[in-house]
Amino acid sequence: MEQNFITSKELISKLVPSQIRVYELLLKGKSTKEIADELIISKTTVSTHKLNIYRIAEVSSQLELMANKMQELENEIRALEGIAYGQTE
């Protein structure tokens, strides 16, 4: 199955550690304020990280970022199901 988005592994390889922490919290549905509070950084810093993450991931919102992750997981499940049932592509 063709995918038209960057995988989490590819994305993480292009992020710095502070962006990775923000990315993980974005995938949990956390708001900018919640991320700032949890990481003890300013909301402005979180917003900057978010914009950079979105640019690298080629998305325009947290929802789109989360949707890509869900699609990636769905693709992985389908691949594993194919292996479990002896199917190959």
N, C-alpha and C. Protein backbone atom coordinates (compact mmCIF):
# COMPACT_ATOMS: atom_id res chain seq x y z
N MET A 1 0.84 -1.18 0.00
CA MET A 1 0.00 0.00 0.00
C MET A 1 0.89 1.24 0.00
N GLU A 2 0.57 2.17 -0.88
CA GLU A 2 1.34 3.41 -0.99
C GLU A 2 0.99 4.36 0.15
N GLN A 3 2.02 4.97 0.72
CA GLN A 3 1.76 5.97 1.75
C GLN A 3 2.34 7.28 1.29
N ASN A 4 1.61 8.34 1.55
CA ASN A 4 2.03 9.64 1.06
C ASN A 4 2.37 10.58 2.21
N PHE A 5 2.96 10.02 3.25
CA PHE A 5 3.35 10.81 4.40
C PHE A 5 4.65 10.27 4.97
N ILE A 6 5.32 11.11 5.71
CA ILE A 6 6.57 10.71 6.36
C ILE A 6 6.24 9.82 7.57
N THR A 7 6.97 8.73 7.72
CA THR A 7 6.72 7.85 8.87
C THR A 7 7.28 8.48 10.14
N SER A 8 6.83 7.99 11.27
CA SER A 8 7.33 8.49 12.55
C SER A 8 8.83 8.30 12.66
N LYS A 9 9.31 7.17 12.22
CA LYS A 9 10.75 6.89 12.29
C LYS A 9 11.53 7.91 11.46
N GLU A 10 11.05 8.18 10.25
CA GLU A 10 11.71 9.17 9.39
C GLU A 10 11.65 10.57 10.02
N LEU A 11 10.48 10.90 10.55
CA LEU A 11 10.30 12.22 11.16
C LEU A 11 11.23 12.38 12.36
N ILE A 12 11.23 11.41 13.24
CA ILE A 12 12.05 11.49 14.45
C ILE A 12 13.53 11.62 14.09
N SER A 13 13.95 10.97 13.01
CA SER A 13 15.36 11.06 12.60
C SER A 13 15.74 12.48 12.18
N LYS A 14 14.75 13.29 11.87
CA LYS A 14 15.01 14.67 11.42
C LYS A 14 14.78 15.71 12.51
N LEU A 15 14.35 15.26 13.69
CA LEU A 15 14.05 16.18 14.79
C LEU A 15 15.16 16.20 15.82
N VAL A 16 15.29 17.34 16.50
CA VAL A 16 16.21 17.42 17.64
C VAL A 16 15.47 16.89 18.86
N PRO A 17 16.20 16.52 19.92
CA PRO A 17 15.56 15.92 21.09
C PRO A 17 14.37 16.72 21.67
N SER A 18 14.50 18.03 21.75
CA SER A 18 13.39 18.81 22.31
C SER A 18 12.15 18.74 21.41
N GLN A 19 12.35 18.67 20.10
CA GLN A 19 11.22 18.53 19.19
C GLN A 19 10.58 17.15 19.31
N ILE A 20 11.39 16.14 19.55
CA ILE A 20 10.87 14.78 19.72
C ILE A 20 9.95 14.72 20.93
N ARG A 21 10.35 15.37 22.01
CA ARG A 21 9.49 15.38 23.21
C ARG A 21 8.16 16.07 22.92
N VAL A 22 8.22 17.17 22.19
CA VAL A 22 6.98 17.88 21.82
C VAL A 22 6.15 17.00 20.90
N TYR A 23 6.77 16.36 19.92
CA TYR A 23 6.08 15.47 18.99
C TYR A 23 5.32 14.36 19.74
N GLU A 24 5.99 13.73 20.68
CA GLU A 24 5.35 12.66 21.46
C GLU A 24 4.12 13.16 22.19
N LEU A 25 4.20 14.37 22.74
CA LEU A 25 3.06 14.93 23.47
C LEU A 25 1.95 15.37 22.52
N LEU A 26 2.32 15.85 21.34
CA LEU A 26 1.32 16.19 20.34
C LEU A 26 0.51 14.96 19.95
N LEU A 27 1.19 13.82 19.81
CA LEU A 27 0.49 12.58 19.45
C LEU A 27 -0.44 12.11 20.56
N LYS A 28 -0.21 12.56 21.77
CA LYS A 28 -1.09 12.24 22.89
C LYS A 28 -2.26 13.22 22.98
N GLY A 29 -2.29 14.19 22.05
CA GLY A 29 -3.39 15.15 22.02
C GLY A 29 -3.24 16.33 22.96
N LYS A 30 -2.04 16.52 23.48
CA LYS A 30 -1.80 17.62 24.44
C LYS A 30 -1.86 18.97 23.73
N SER A 31 -2.34 19.97 24.45
CA SER A 31 -2.39 21.34 23.94
C SER A 31 -1.03 22.01 24.12
N THR A 32 -0.88 23.16 23.48
CA THR A 32 0.35 23.92 23.61
C THR A 32 0.63 24.23 25.08
N LYS A 33 -0.38 24.67 25.80
CA LYS A 33 -0.20 24.99 27.22
C LYS A 33 0.19 23.76 28.02
N GLU A 34 -0.48 22.65 27.78
CA GLU A 34 -0.16 21.41 28.51
C GLU A 34 1.27 20.96 28.24
N ILE A 35 1.70 21.07 26.99
CA ILE A 35 3.07 20.69 26.64
C ILE A 35 4.06 21.61 27.33
N ALA A 36 3.78 22.92 27.28
CA ALA A 36 4.66 23.90 27.93
C ALA A 36 4.77 23.60 29.43
N ASP A 37 3.65 23.34 30.06
CA ASP A 37 3.65 23.05 31.50
C ASP A 37 4.43 21.76 31.80
N GLU A 38 4.20 20.74 31.01
CA GLU A 38 4.85 19.45 31.25
C GLU A 38 6.37 19.51 31.03
N LEU A 39 6.78 20.23 29.99
CA LEU A 39 8.21 20.30 29.67
C LEU A 39 8.91 21.49 30.33
N ILE A 40 8.13 22.30 31.01
CA ILE A 40 8.65 23.50 31.68
C ILE A 40 9.39 24.40 30.68
N ILE A 41 8.69 24.71 29.60
CA ILE A 41 9.18 25.64 28.59
C ILE A 41 8.04 26.60 28.25
N SER A 42 8.36 27.67 27.56
CA SER A 42 7.33 28.66 27.23
C SER A 42 6.40 28.15 26.14
N LYS A 43 5.19 28.71 26.10
CA LYS A 43 4.25 28.37 25.04
C LYS A 43 4.81 28.79 23.68
N THR A 44 5.57 29.87 23.66
CA THR A 44 6.19 30.32 22.41
C THR A 44 7.17 29.27 21.89
N THR A 45 7.96 28.70 22.79
CA THR A 45 8.90 27.64 22.39
C THR A 45 8.15 26.43 21.87
N VAL A 46 7.08 26.06 22.54
CA VAL A 46 6.27 24.93 22.07
C VAL A 46 5.72 25.23 20.69
N SER A 47 5.20 26.43 20.49
CA SER A 47 4.64 26.81 19.19
C SER A 47 5.69 26.76 18.09
N THR A 48 6.89 27.20 18.40
CA THR A 48 7.99 27.15 17.43
C THR A 48 8.32 25.70 17.08
N HIS A 49 8.41 24.85 18.10
CA HIS A 49 8.68 23.43 17.84
C HIS A 49 7.56 22.82 17.00
N LYS A 50 6.32 23.14 17.32
CA LYS A 50 5.19 22.61 16.57
C LYS A 50 5.29 23.00 15.10
N LEU A 51 5.55 24.27 14.84
CA LEU A 51 5.66 24.72 13.44
C LEU A 51 6.77 23.99 12.70
N ASN A 52 7.90 23.80 13.36
CA ASN A 52 9.01 23.08 12.73
C ASN A 52 8.67 21.61 12.49
N ILE A 53 8.00 21.00 13.44
CA ILE A 53 7.57 19.60 13.30
C ILE A 53 6.59 19.48 12.13
N TYR A 54 5.60 20.38 12.07
CA TYR A 54 4.62 20.35 10.99
C TYR A 54 5.30 20.54 9.63
N ARG A 55 6.27 21.45 9.57
CA ARG A 55 6.99 21.71 8.31
C ARG A 55 7.72 20.45 7.86
N ILE A 56 8.43 19.82 8.78
CA ILE A 56 9.20 18.61 8.44
C ILE A 56 8.26 17.47 8.06
N ALA A 57 7.16 17.34 8.78
CA ALA A 57 6.19 16.27 8.51
C ALA A 57 5.28 16.58 7.32
N GLU A 58 5.37 17.81 6.83
CA GLU A 58 4.55 18.26 5.71
C GLU A 58 3.06 18.16 6.03
N VAL A 59 2.69 18.65 7.22
CA VAL A 59 1.31 18.73 7.65
C VAL A 59 1.04 20.17 8.10
N SER A 60 -0.23 20.47 8.32
CA SER A 60 -0.57 21.83 8.72
C SER A 60 -1.24 21.91 10.08
N SER A 61 -1.41 20.76 10.75
CA SER A 61 -2.08 20.79 12.05
C SER A 61 -1.73 19.56 12.88
N GLN A 62 -2.04 19.67 14.16
CA GLN A 62 -1.84 18.55 15.08
C GLN A 62 -2.75 17.40 14.67
N LEU A 63 -3.96 17.70 14.27
CA LEU A 63 -4.90 16.67 13.85
C LEU A 63 -4.35 15.88 12.66
N GLU A 64 -3.78 16.58 11.70
CA GLU A 64 -3.21 15.91 10.53
C GLU A 64 -2.01 15.06 10.92
N LEU A 65 -1.20 15.55 11.85
CA LEU A 65 -0.06 14.80 12.36
C LEU A 65 -0.53 13.50 13.00
N MET A 66 -1.59 13.61 13.83
CA MET A 66 -2.15 12.43 14.50
C MET A 66 -2.78 11.47 13.50
N ALA A 67 -3.45 12.01 12.48
CA ALA A 67 -4.06 11.16 11.46
C ALA A 67 -3.00 10.37 10.70
N ASN A 68 -1.87 11.02 10.40
CA ASN A 68 -0.78 10.30 9.73
C ASN A 68 -0.26 9.16 10.59
N LYS A 69 -0.12 9.41 11.89
CA LYS A 69 0.35 8.36 12.80
C LYS A 69 -0.65 7.20 12.84
N MET A 70 -1.94 7.53 12.88
CA MET A 70 -2.96 6.48 12.88
C MET A 70 -2.90 5.66 11.59
N GLN A 71 -2.70 6.33 10.46
CA GLN A 71 -2.60 5.62 9.17
C GLN A 71 -1.36 4.73 9.16
N GLU A 72 -0.27 5.24 9.70
CA GLU A 72 0.96 4.45 9.78
C GLU A 72 0.72 3.18 10.61
N LEU A 73 0.07 3.32 11.75
CA LEU A 73 -0.22 2.17 12.61
C LEU A 73 -1.16 1.19 11.92
N GLU A 74 -2.15 1.72 11.22
CA GLU A 74 -3.07 0.85 10.48
C GLU A 74 -2.33 0.06 9.41
N ASN A 75 -1.41 0.71 8.71
CA ASN A 75 -0.60 0.01 7.70
C ASN A 75 0.25 -1.09 8.32
N GLU A 76 0.82 -0.80 9.49
CA GLU A 76 1.64 -1.80 10.18
C GLU A 76 0.79 -2.99 10.61
N ILE A 77 -0.42 -2.73 11.09
CA ILE A 77 -1.32 -3.81 11.51
C ILE A 77 -1.69 -4.68 10.32
N ARG A 78 -2.02 -4.03 9.20
CA ARG A 78 -2.36 -4.80 7.99
C ARG A 78 -1.20 -5.66 7.54
N ALA A 79 0.01 -5.12 7.62
CA ALA A 79 1.20 -5.89 7.22
C ALA A 79 1.38 -7.09 8.14
N LEU A 80 1.19 -6.88 9.44
CA LEU A 80 1.33 -7.98 10.39
C LEU A 80 0.24 -9.01 10.20
N GLU A 81 -0.95 -8.58 9.90
CA GLU A 81 -2.04 -9.53 9.62
C GLU A 81 -1.72 -10.36 8.40
N GLY A 82 -1.13 -9.73 7.39
CA GLY A 82 -0.75 -10.46 6.18
C GLY A 82 0.30 -11.51 6.48
N ILE A 83 1.25 -11.18 7.32
CA ILE A 83 2.29 -12.14 7.73
C ILE A 83 1.65 -13.29 8.52
N ALA A 84 0.75 -12.94 9.42
CA ALA A 84 0.11 -13.95 10.27
C ALA A 84 -0.71 -14.94 9.44
N TYR A 85 -1.29 -14.46 8.33
CA TYR A 85 -2.12 -15.33 7.50
C TYR A 85 -1.39 -15.84 6.27
N GLY A 86 -0.06 -15.64 6.24
CA GLY A 86 0.76 -16.17 5.16
C GLY A 86 0.60 -15.45 3.84
N GLN A 87 0.12 -14.21 3.90
CA GLN A 87 -0.05 -13.43 2.68
C GLN A 87 1.20 -12.62 2.43
N THR A 88 1.55 -12.48 1.18
CA THR A 88 2.65 -11.61 0.79
C THR A 88 2.18 -10.70 -0.31
N GLU A 89 2.87 -9.57 -0.43
CA GLU A 89 2.48 -8.61 -1.48
C GLU A 89 3.31 -8.84 -2.70
